[in-house]
Amino acid sequence: MDAATIINRNKADRETVEQALRAAGIEGPVELVEGRRIAERAQAFAEQGAKSIIVGGGDGSVSAAAQPLAGSSAVLGILPLGTLNHFARDLGIPPELEKAAELIASGRTRAVDVAEVNGRVFVNNSAIGLYPLMVVDRESQQHRLGRSKRLAMLVASLRTLSRFHDQRLTLTSGDGRSAIDTPLLFVGNNDYRLALPAAGQRDSLDDGKLCVLVMRKKGVPGFLAATLRALVGLAREDDMIRMDAMSELRVDSRRPAMTLSVDGETCRMKPPLDYRIRPGALKVIAP
């Protein structure tokens, strides 16, 4: 088996994807599955000998497939069918389905980094504090009220900001150990830009370093002001701590379990949380 394709059934229909793949000259089985089964099916195809495993969906779908494929010989192809597609964008993969399929057919392969927390792989970022709580609220609204992702996130952001309290975290790295109260800790797979117009983008996915940002303790007005200053490139030293050139970070808490986001999905883990970078662990088809 040369190639196998897994499509998140909530992102596209089989016929449309099959047409794009056939037009690009790509043959092989195409499966439509629930998002929660993507990792399982990617691993099964890899064990069956698929040399390339193509995943169609958003960042969550790609992240799920990366879990079993990181460190393996299988190559990941990406059809960016999600809302934001951060990982595909940073790789330079075109957003159009037909062009993405043509790129996969070209077979241009490169090795990129992934990060992980307590063994769970992520391709973009993980966060503790405000953001994962916003995601939990957003998902609840989408399921209960049928709100769009953007509207639900706006409402969730306002509600979370109004009731959130800073978390006391203990950070341990090669530089030592420190305790800090923070509304948000962000860990990225490689360095993220903060200032507009490229906020949230990465110039590289193979530098072999984590991007660690820790917002300093502030009230809601101060937090919003610090966020605005970062976006316009005028961040101050008292806004955030930036921990550069890190390959590992331990995050501990007195709480028995912590809510965190991993590539836009939320989960609960028992502390300590051990973050690390895995240089060149994932083979992808990309320019």
C-alpha atoms as a PDB file:
ATOM      1  CA  MET A   1       0.000   0.000   0.000  1.00  0.00           C
ATOM      2  CA  ASP A   2       1.609   3.276  -1.114  1.00  0.00           C
ATOM      3  CA  ALA A   3      -0.901   5.817   0.233  1.00  0.00           C
ATOM      4  CA  ALA A   4      -3.932   5.817   2.497  1.00  0.00           C
ATOM      5  CA  THR A   5      -6.241   8.762   3.163  1.00  0.00           C
ATOM      6  CA  ILE A   6      -8.157   9.543   6.351  1.00  0.00           C
ATOM      7  CA  ILE A   7     -10.752  12.321   6.271  1.00  0.00           C
ATOM      8  CA  ASN A   8     -12.444  13.880   9.275  1.00  0.00           C
ATOM      9  CA  ARG A   9     -16.090  13.266   8.387  1.00  0.00           C
ATOM     10  CA  ASN A  10     -17.095  16.669   9.770  1.00  0.00           C
ATOM     11  CA  LYS A  11     -14.810  18.533   7.339  1.00  0.00           C
ATOM     12  CA  ALA A  12     -15.537  17.150   3.848  1.00  0.00           C
ATOM     13  CA  ASP A  13     -17.344  14.473   1.870  1.00  0.00           C
ATOM     14  CA  ARG A  14     -15.597  11.440   0.411  1.00  0.00           C
ATOM     15  CA  GLU A  15     -16.507  12.106  -3.247  1.00  0.00           C
ATOM     16  CA  THR A  16     -14.993  15.606  -3.300  1.00  0.00           C
ATOM     17  CA  VAL A  17     -11.733  14.396  -1.760  1.00  0.00           C
ATOM     18  CA  GLU A  18     -11.523  11.326  -3.991  1.00  0.00           C
ATOM     19  CA  GLN A  19     -11.966  13.470  -7.103  1.00  0.00           C
ATOM     20  CA  ALA A  20      -9.132  15.790  -6.057  1.00  0.00           C
ATOM     21  CA  LEU A  21      -6.832  12.860  -5.266  1.00  0.00           C
ATOM     22  CA  ARG A  22      -7.597  11.040  -8.542  1.00  0.00           C
ATOM     23  CA  ALA A  23      -7.000  14.225 -10.522  1.00  0.00           C
ATOM     24  CA  ALA A  24      -3.562  14.457  -8.876  1.00  0.00           C
ATOM     25  CA  GLY A  25      -2.841  10.794  -9.671  1.00  0.00           C
ATOM     26  CA  ILE A  26      -3.068   9.539  -6.080  1.00  0.00           C
ATOM     27  CA  GLU A  27      -4.547   6.070  -5.579  1.00  0.00           C
ATOM     28  CA  GLY A  28      -5.355   4.208  -2.388  1.00  0.00           C
ATOM     29  CA  PRO A  29      -8.100   3.720   0.194  1.00  0.00           C
ATOM     30  CA  VAL A  30     -10.025   6.758   1.463  1.00  0.00           C
ATOM     31  CA  GLU A  31     -11.795   6.550   4.822  1.00  0.00           C
ATOM     32  CA  LEU A  32     -14.229   9.004   6.423  1.00  0.00           C
ATOM     33  CA  VAL A  33     -13.962   8.743  10.216  1.00  0.00           C
ATOM     34  CA  GLU A  34     -14.838  10.589  13.387  1.00  0.00           C
ATOM     35  CA  GLY A  35     -12.084  12.876  14.624  1.00  0.00           C
ATOM     36  CA  ARG A  36     -11.485  10.728  17.713  1.00  0.00           C
ATOM     37  CA  ARG A  37     -10.551   7.751  15.485  1.00  0.00           C
ATOM     38  CA  ILE A  38      -7.942   9.479  13.315  1.00  0.00           C
ATOM     39  CA  ALA A  39      -4.941   8.491  15.458  1.00  0.00           C
ATOM     40  CA  GLU A  40      -6.122   4.886  15.590  1.00  0.00           C
ATOM     41  CA  ARG A  41      -6.600   4.654  11.810  1.00  0.00           C
ATOM     42  CA  ALA A  42      -3.300   6.398  11.060  1.00  0.00           C
ATOM     43  CA  GLN A  43      -1.476   3.889  13.218  1.00  0.00           C
ATOM     44  CA  ALA A  44      -3.306   0.978  11.585  1.00  0.00           C
ATOM     45  CA  PHE A  45      -2.405   2.152   8.075  1.00  0.00           C
ATOM     46  CA  ALA A  46       1.228   2.652   9.114  1.00  0.00           C
ATOM     47  CA  GLU A  47       1.338  -0.894  10.508  1.00  0.00           C
ATOM     48  CA  GLN A  48      -0.159  -2.186   7.251  1.00  0.00           C
ATOM     49  CA  GLY A  49       2.759  -0.666   5.355  1.00  0.00           C
ATOM     50  CA  ALA A  50       1.350   2.573   3.945  1.00  0.00           C
ATOM     51  CA  LYS A  51       4.293   4.746   2.945  1.00  0.00           C
ATOM     52  CA  SER A  52       2.212   7.942   2.919  1.00  0.00           C
ATOM     53  CA  ILE A  53      -0.766   8.672   5.132  1.00  0.00           C
ATOM     54  CA  ILE A  54      -2.876  11.613   4.006  1.00  0.00           C
ATOM     55  CA  VAL A  55      -5.058  13.380   6.553  1.00  0.00           C
ATOM     56  CA  GLY A  56      -7.870  15.751   5.648  1.00  0.00           C
ATOM     57  CA  GLY A  57      -9.129  18.064   8.375  1.00  0.00           C
ATOM     58  CA  GLY A  58      -8.067  20.884  10.641  1.00  0.00           C
ATOM     59  CA  ASP A  59      -5.198  21.215  13.090  1.00  0.00           C
ATOM     60  CA  GLY A  60      -6.817  18.789  15.524  1.00  0.00           C
ATOM     61  CA  SER A  61      -7.002  16.100  12.846  1.00  0.00           C
ATOM     62  CA  VAL A  62      -3.401  16.639  11.779  1.00  0.00           C
ATOM     63  CA  SER A  63      -2.258  16.577  15.405  1.00  0.00           C
ATOM     64  CA  ALA A  64      -4.089  13.298  15.987  1.00  0.00           C
ATOM     65  CA  ALA A  65      -2.370  11.689  13.008  1.00  0.00           C
ATOM     66  CA  ALA A  66       1.021  13.027  14.086  1.00  0.00           C
ATOM     67  CA  GLN A  67       0.745  11.142  17.394  1.00  0.00           C
ATOM     68  CA  PRO A  68       1.424   7.662  15.943  1.00  0.00           C
ATOM     69  CA  LEU A  69       3.433   8.857  12.914  1.00  0.00           C
ATOM     70  CA  ALA A  70       6.077  10.897  14.771  1.00  0.00           C
ATOM     71  CA  GLY A  71       9.222   8.821  14.911  1.00  0.00           C
ATOM     72  CA  SER A  72       7.984   6.362  12.267  1.00  0.00           C
ATOM     73  CA  SER A  73       9.032   5.927   8.639  1.00  0.00           C
ATOM     74  CA  ALA A  74       5.573   6.892   7.322  1.00  0.00           C
ATOM     75  CA  VAL A  75       5.164  10.284   5.652  1.00  0.00           C
ATOM     76  CA  LEU A  76       2.251  12.606   6.482  1.00  0.00           C
ATOM     77  CA  GLY A  77       0.363  14.373   3.703  1.00  0.00           C
ATOM     78  CA  ILE A  78      -2.043  17.170   4.648  1.00  0.00           C
ATOM     79  CA  LEU A  79      -5.298  18.305   3.050  1.00  0.00           C
ATOM     80  CA  PRO A  80      -6.116  21.514   4.993  1.00  0.00           C
ATOM     81  CA  LEU A  81      -9.879  21.278   5.437  1.00  0.00           C
ATOM     82  CA  GLY A  82     -10.250  23.002   8.814  1.00  0.00           C
ATOM     83  CA  THR A  83     -11.071  26.552   9.857  1.00  0.00           C
ATOM     84  CA  LEU A  84      -7.587  27.911  10.541  1.00  0.00           C
ATOM     85  CA  ASN A  85      -5.066  25.244   9.425  1.00  0.00           C
ATOM     86  CA  HIS A  86      -2.124  26.811  11.283  1.00  0.00           C
ATOM     87  CA  PHE A  87       0.270  23.897  10.771  1.00  0.00           C
ATOM     88  CA  ALA A  88      -0.442  23.618   7.034  1.00  0.00           C
ATOM     89  CA  ARG A  89      -0.067  27.387   6.641  1.00  0.00           C
ATOM     90  CA  ASP A  90       3.289  27.449   8.415  1.00  0.00           C
ATOM     91  CA  LEU A  91       4.472  24.576   6.206  1.00  0.00           C
ATOM     92  CA  GLY A  92       3.467  26.507   3.073  1.00  0.00           C
ATOM     93  CA  ILE A  93       0.780  24.010   2.030  1.00  0.00           C
ATOM     94  CA  PRO A  94      -1.809  25.681  -0.237  1.00  0.00           C
ATOM     95  CA  PRO A  95      -5.314  25.957   1.278  1.00  0.00           C
ATOM     96  CA  GLU A  96      -7.078  24.832  -1.915  1.00  0.00           C
ATOM     97  CA  LEU A  97      -7.929  21.118  -1.909  1.00  0.00           C
ATOM     98  CA  GLU A  98      -6.831  20.500  -5.508  1.00  0.00           C
ATOM     99  CA  LYS A  99      -3.496  22.297  -5.072  1.00  0.00           C
ATOM    100  CA  ALA A 100      -2.817  20.512  -1.791  1.00  0.00           C
ATOM    101  CA  ALA A 101      -3.454  17.179  -3.527  1.00  0.00           C
ATOM    102  CA  GLU A 102      -1.042  18.136  -6.319  1.00  0.00           C
ATOM    103  CA  LEU A 103       1.601  18.970  -3.732  1.00  0.00           C
ATOM    104  CA  ILE A 104       1.126  15.569  -2.087  1.00  0.00           C
ATOM    105  CA  ALA A 105       1.521  13.903  -5.481  1.00  0.00           C
ATOM    106  CA  SER A 106       4.867  15.679  -5.927  1.00  0.00           C
ATOM    107  CA  GLY A 107       6.228  13.714  -2.983  1.00  0.00           C
ATOM    108  CA  ARG A 108       8.459  16.517  -1.682  1.00  0.00           C
ATOM    109  CA  THR A 109       9.282  15.369   1.841  1.00  0.00           C
ATOM    110  CA  ARG A 110      10.899  17.182   4.754  1.00  0.00           C
ATOM    111  CA  ALA A 111      11.423  16.411   8.432  1.00  0.00           C
ATOM    112  CA  VAL A 112       9.916  18.830  10.956  1.00  0.00           C
ATOM    113  CA  ASP A 113       9.802  19.046  14.728  1.00  0.00           C
ATOM    114  CA  VAL A 114       6.955  18.081  16.993  1.00  0.00           C
ATOM    115  CA  ALA A 115       6.550  18.842  20.683  1.00  0.00           C
ATOM    116  CA  GLU A 116       4.917  16.738  23.346  1.00  0.00           C
ATOM    117  CA  VAL A 117       3.538  17.007  26.857  1.00  0.00           C
ATOM    118  CA  ASN A 118       3.556  13.881  29.024  1.00  0.00           C
ATOM    119  CA  GLY A 119       3.889  11.818  25.850  1.00  0.00           C
ATOM    120  CA  ARG A 120       1.065  13.512  23.919  1.00  0.00           C
ATOM    121  CA  VAL A 121       2.339  14.947  20.636  1.00  0.00           C
ATOM    122  CA  PHE A 122       1.358  18.380  19.377  1.00  0.00           C
ATOM    123  CA  VAL A 123       2.279  20.147  16.158  1.00  0.00           C
ATOM    124  CA  ASN A 124       1.301  23.718  17.093  1.00  0.00           C
ATOM    125  CA  ASN A 125       1.023  24.622  20.762  1.00  0.00           C
ATOM    126  CA  SER A 126      -0.241  23.870  24.217  1.00  0.00           C
ATOM    127  CA  ALA A 127      -1.505  26.290  26.863  1.00  0.00           C
ATOM    128  CA  ILE A 128      -2.444  26.414  30.539  1.00  0.00           C
ATOM    129  CA  GLY A 129      -4.752  29.002  32.078  1.00  0.00           C
ATOM    130  CA  LEU A 130      -7.166  31.278  30.256  1.00  0.00           C
ATOM    131  CA  TYR A 131      -7.101  29.736  26.793  1.00  0.00           C
ATOM    132  CA  PRO A 132      -8.055  26.111  27.618  1.00  0.00           C
ATOM    133  CA  LEU A 133     -10.904  27.351  29.816  1.00  0.00           C
ATOM    134  CA  MET A 134     -12.156  29.446  26.890  1.00  0.00           C
ATOM    135  CA  VAL A 135     -12.030  26.353  24.666  1.00  0.00           C
ATOM    136  CA  VAL A 136     -14.024  24.285  27.174  1.00  0.00           C
ATOM    137  CA  ASP A 137     -16.723  27.008  27.264  1.00  0.00           C
ATOM    138  CA  ARG A 138     -16.674  27.343  23.456  1.00  0.00           C
ATOM    139  CA  GLU A 139     -17.130  23.604  22.911  1.00  0.00           C
ATOM    140  CA  SER A 140     -19.997  23.528  25.407  1.00  0.00           C
ATOM    141  CA  GLN A 141     -21.799  26.312  23.528  1.00  0.00           C
ATOM    142  CA  GLN A 142     -21.280  24.608  20.174  1.00  0.00           C
ATOM    143  CA  HIS A 143     -22.743  21.337  21.443  1.00  0.00           C
ATOM    144  CA  ARG A 144     -25.597  22.768  23.517  1.00  0.00           C
ATOM    145  CA  LEU A 145     -26.588  25.833  21.499  1.00  0.00           C
ATOM    146  CA  GLY A 146     -25.288  25.083  18.004  1.00  0.00           C
ATOM    147  CA  ARG A 147     -23.318  28.328  17.882  1.00  0.00           C
ATOM    148  CA  SER A 148     -20.618  28.873  15.295  1.00  0.00           C
ATOM    149  CA  LYS A 149     -17.025  28.380  16.445  1.00  0.00           C
ATOM    150  CA  ARG A 150     -16.200  32.082  16.172  1.00  0.00           C
ATOM    151  CA  LEU A 151     -19.286  33.331  18.021  1.00  0.00           C
ATOM    152  CA  ALA A 152     -18.913  30.719  20.739  1.00  0.00           C
ATOM    153  CA  MET A 153     -15.257  31.678  21.241  1.00  0.00           C
ATOM    154  CA  LEU A 154     -16.140  35.367  21.542  1.00  0.00           C
ATOM    155  CA  VAL A 155     -18.731  34.662  24.240  1.00  0.00           C
ATOM    156  CA  ALA A 156     -16.383  32.221  25.989  1.00  0.00           C
ATOM    157  CA  SER A 157     -13.565  34.783  26.004  1.00  0.00           C
ATOM    158  CA  LEU A 158     -15.722  37.430  27.683  1.00  0.00           C
ATOM    159  CA  ARG A 159     -17.050  35.009  30.295  1.00  0.00           C
ATOM    160  CA  THR A 160     -13.670  33.478  31.095  1.00  0.00           C
ATOM    161  CA  LEU A 161     -11.970  36.853  31.486  1.00  0.00           C
ATOM    162  CA  SER A 162     -14.668  37.988  33.920  1.00  0.00           C
ATOM    163  CA  ARG A 163     -14.184  35.086  36.352  1.00  0.00           C
ATOM    164  CA  PHE A 164     -10.653  33.761  35.915  1.00  0.00           C
ATOM    165  CA  HIS A 165      -8.031  33.729  38.680  1.00  0.00           C
ATOM    166  CA  ASP A 166      -4.278  33.394  38.163  1.00  0.00           C
ATOM    167  CA  GLN A 167      -2.727  29.978  38.593  1.00  0.00           C
ATOM    168  CA  ARG A 168       0.351  29.295  40.730  1.00  0.00           C
ATOM    169  CA  LEU A 169       2.753  27.219  38.638  1.00  0.00           C
ATOM    170  CA  THR A 170       6.252  25.963  39.346  1.00  0.00           C
ATOM    171  CA  LEU A 171       8.509  25.951  36.288  1.00  0.00           C
ATOM    172  CA  THR A 172      11.663  23.847  36.106  1.00  0.00           C
ATOM    173  CA  SER A 173      14.173  24.020  33.272  1.00  0.00           C
ATOM    174  CA  GLY A 174      17.899  23.856  32.732  1.00  0.00           C
ATOM    175  CA  ASP A 175      18.137  27.372  34.167  1.00  0.00           C
ATOM    176  CA  GLY A 176      16.604  26.408  37.500  1.00  0.00           C
ATOM    177  CA  ARG A 177      13.253  26.422  39.257  1.00  0.00           C
ATOM    178  CA  SER A 178      10.798  29.245  39.881  1.00  0.00           C
ATOM    179  CA  ALA A 179       7.212  29.747  41.072  1.00  0.00           C
ATOM    180  CA  ILE A 180       4.958  32.211  39.270  1.00  0.00           C
ATOM    181  CA  ASP A 181       1.341  33.357  39.335  1.00  0.00           C
ATOM    182  CA  THR A 182       0.088  33.674  35.770  1.00  0.00           C
ATOM    183  CA  PRO A 183      -3.140  33.870  33.767  1.00  0.00           C
ATOM    184  CA  LEU A 184      -1.574  32.077  30.800  1.00  0.00           C
ATOM    185  CA  LEU A 185       1.392  29.866  30.004  1.00  0.00           C
ATOM    186  CA  PHE A 186       1.978  29.105  26.313  1.00  0.00           C
ATOM    187  CA  VAL A 187       4.296  26.417  24.927  1.00  0.00           C
ATOM    188  CA  GLY A 188       4.824  26.362  21.165  1.00  0.00           C
ATOM    189  CA  ASN A 189       6.449  23.923  18.775  1.00  0.00           C
ATOM    190  CA  ASN A 190       9.170  26.342  17.545  1.00  0.00           C
ATOM    191  CA  ASP A 191       9.143  30.124  17.775  1.00  0.00           C
ATOM    192  CA  TYR A 192       5.900  32.077  17.330  1.00  0.00           C
ATOM    193  CA  ARG A 193       5.612  35.648  16.169  1.00  0.00           C
ATOM    194  CA  LEU A 194       3.528  37.902  18.402  1.00  0.00           C
ATOM    195  CA  ALA A 195       3.151  41.150  16.483  1.00  0.00           C
ATOM    196  CA  LEU A 196       0.653  41.844  13.707  1.00  0.00           C
ATOM    197  CA  PRO A 197       0.261  41.221  10.820  1.00  0.00           C
ATOM    198  CA  ALA A 198       2.045  37.875  11.356  1.00  0.00           C
ATOM    199  CA  ALA A 199       0.838  37.157  14.903  1.00  0.00           C
ATOM    200  CA  GLY A 200       0.569  33.433  15.524  1.00  0.00           C
ATOM    201  CA  GLN A 201       2.807  32.433  12.624  1.00  0.00           C
ATOM    202  CA  ARG A 202       6.137  30.593  12.634  1.00  0.00           C
ATOM    203  CA  ASP A 203       9.075  31.147  10.311  1.00  0.00           C
ATOM    204  CA  SER A 204      10.524  27.708  10.975  1.00  0.00           C
ATOM    205  CA  LEU A 205       9.389  24.270  12.082  1.00  0.00           C
ATOM    206  CA  ASP A 206      12.824  22.706  12.391  1.00  0.00           C
ATOM    207  CA  ASP A 207      14.771  24.862  14.856  1.00  0.00           C
ATOM    208  CA  GLY A 208      14.507  22.227  17.569  1.00  0.00           C
ATOM    209  CA  LYS A 209      13.305  24.617  20.297  1.00  0.00           C
ATOM    210  CA  LEU A 210      10.192  25.258  22.338  1.00  0.00           C
ATOM    211  CA  CYS A 211       8.608  28.713  22.442  1.00  0.00           C
ATOM    212  CA  VAL A 212       7.649  29.409  26.068  1.00  0.00           C
ATOM    213  CA  LEU A 213       5.674  32.522  26.990  1.00  0.00           C
ATOM    214  CA  VAL A 214       4.430  33.274  30.498  1.00  0.00           C
ATOM    215  CA  MET A 215       2.080  36.209  31.029  1.00  0.00           C
ATOM    216  CA  ARG A 216       2.794  38.124  34.217  1.00  0.00           C
ATOM    217  CA  LYS A 217       0.080  38.451  36.853  1.00  0.00           C
ATOM    218  CA  LYS A 218      -2.339  41.236  35.935  1.00  0.00           C
ATOM    219  CA  GLY A 219      -5.974  42.201  36.316  1.00  0.00           C
ATOM    220  CA  VAL A 220      -8.299  41.955  33.323  1.00  0.00           C
ATOM    221  CA  PRO A 221      -7.586  45.516  32.048  1.00  0.00           C
ATOM    222  CA  GLY A 222      -3.845  44.927  32.427  1.00  0.00           C
ATOM    223  CA  PHE A 223      -4.038  41.566  30.659  1.00  0.00           C
ATOM    224  CA  LEU A 224      -5.935  43.065  27.722  1.00  0.00           C
ATOM    225  CA  ALA A 225      -3.513  45.994  27.523  1.00  0.00           C
ATOM    226  CA  ALA A 226      -0.517  43.633  27.560  1.00  0.00           C
ATOM    227  CA  THR A 227      -2.077  41.526  24.800  1.00  0.00           C
ATOM    228  CA  LEU A 228      -2.663  44.627  22.674  1.00  0.00           C
ATOM    229  CA  ARG A 229       0.909  45.821  23.195  1.00  0.00           C
ATOM    230  CA  ALA A 230       2.240  42.419  22.095  1.00  0.00           C
ATOM    231  CA  LEU A 231       0.124  42.492  18.936  1.00  0.00           C
ATOM    232  CA  VAL A 232       1.437  45.910  17.905  1.00  0.00           C
ATOM    233  CA  GLY A 233       5.034  45.048  18.757  1.00  0.00           C
ATOM    234  CA  LEU A 234       5.308  47.246  21.860  1.00  0.00           C
ATOM    235  CA  ALA A 235       5.437  44.611  24.610  1.00  0.00           C
ATOM    236  CA  ARG A 236       7.031  45.680  27.900  1.00  0.00           C
ATOM    237  CA  GLU A 237       9.231  43.649  30.230  1.00  0.00           C
ATOM    238  CA  ASP A 238       6.480  43.543  32.845  1.00  0.00           C
ATOM    239  CA  ASP A 239       3.978  42.063  30.359  1.00  0.00           C
ATOM    240  CA  MET A 240       5.421  38.590  29.904  1.00  0.00           C
ATOM    241  CA  ILE A 241       8.395  36.331  30.407  1.00  0.00           C
ATOM    242  CA  ARG A 242       9.839  34.809  27.244  1.00  0.00           C
ATOM    243  CA  MET A 243      11.951  31.694  27.787  1.00  0.00           C
ATOM    244  CA  ASP A 244      14.012  31.177  24.641  1.00  0.00           C
ATOM    245  CA  ALA A 245      16.074  28.275  23.296  1.00  0.00           C
ATOM    246  CA  MET A 246      14.442  25.654  25.506  1.00  0.00           C
ATOM    247  CA  SER A 247      14.151  21.981  24.645  1.00  0.00           C
ATOM    248  CA  GLU A 248      12.448  20.828  27.871  1.00  0.00           C
ATOM    249  CA  LEU A 249      10.210  22.355  30.538  1.00  0.00           C
ATOM    250  CA  ARG A 250       8.492  20.894  33.597  1.00  0.00           C
ATOM    251  CA  VAL A 251       5.314  22.602  34.830  1.00  0.00           C
ATOM    252  CA  ASP A 252       4.041  21.641  38.274  1.00  0.00           C
ATOM    253  CA  SER A 253       1.026  22.644  40.348  1.00  0.00           C
ATOM    254  CA  ARG A 254      -0.558  21.792  43.680  1.00  0.00           C
ATOM    255  CA  ARG A 255      -3.744  20.895  41.851  1.00  0.00           C
ATOM    256  CA  PRO A 256      -4.459  17.156  41.481  1.00  0.00           C
ATOM    257  CA  ALA A 257      -5.229  17.657  37.779  1.00  0.00           C
ATOM    258  CA  MET A 258      -4.767  20.488  35.301  1.00  0.00           C
ATOM    259  CA  THR A 259      -6.826  21.554  32.293  1.00  0.00           C
ATOM    260  CA  LEU A 260      -4.701  22.355  29.279  1.00  0.00           C
ATOM    261  CA  SER A 261      -5.141  22.818  25.566  1.00  0.00           C
ATOM    262  CA  VAL A 262      -3.203  20.747  23.049  1.00  0.00           C
ATOM    263  CA  ASP A 263      -3.544  21.947  19.442  1.00  0.00           C
ATOM    264  CA  GLY A 264      -6.907  23.529  20.211  1.00  0.00           C
ATOM    265  CA  GLU A 265      -8.339  20.495  22.021  1.00  0.00           C
ATOM    266  CA  THR A 266      -8.674  20.386  25.800  1.00  0.00           C
ATOM    267  CA  CYS A 267      -7.649  17.585  28.130  1.00  0.00           C
ATOM    268  CA  ARG A 268      -6.922  16.939  31.809  1.00  0.00           C
ATOM    269  CA  MET A 269      -3.526  15.727  32.993  1.00  0.00           C
ATOM    270  CA  LYS A 270      -1.990  15.081  36.378  1.00  0.00           C
ATOM    271  CA  PRO A 271       0.985  17.318  37.150  1.00  0.00           C
ATOM    272  CA  PRO A 272       3.842  17.574  36.678  1.00  0.00           C
ATOM    273  CA  LEU A 273       3.557  18.314  32.951  1.00  0.00           C
ATOM    274  CA  ASP A 274       6.759  17.495  31.097  1.00  0.00           C
ATOM    275  CA  TYR A 275       7.128  19.363  27.811  1.00  0.00           C
ATOM    276  CA  ARG A 276       9.871  18.561  25.307  1.00  0.00           C
ATOM    277  CA  ILE A 277      10.762  19.105  21.666  1.00  0.00           C
ATOM    278  CA  ARG A 278      11.412  16.199  19.294  1.00  0.00           C
ATOM    279  CA  PRO A 279      13.594  17.554  16.478  1.00  0.00           C
ATOM    280  CA  GLY A 280      12.826  16.227  13.003  1.00  0.00           C
ATOM    281  CA  ALA A 281      10.514  13.526  14.341  1.00  0.00           C
ATOM    282  CA  LEU A 282       7.744  13.952  11.749  1.00  0.00           C
ATOM    283  CA  LYS A 283       8.131  13.467   8.000  1.00  0.00           C
ATOM    284  CA  VAL A 284       5.686  15.636   6.029  1.00  0.00           C
ATOM    285  CA  ILE A 285       5.005  16.383   2.378  1.00  0.00           C
ATOM    286  CA  ALA A 286       5.509  20.119   2.033  1.00  0.00           C
ATOM    287  CA  PRO A 287       7.247  22.704  -0.152  1.00  0.00           C
END
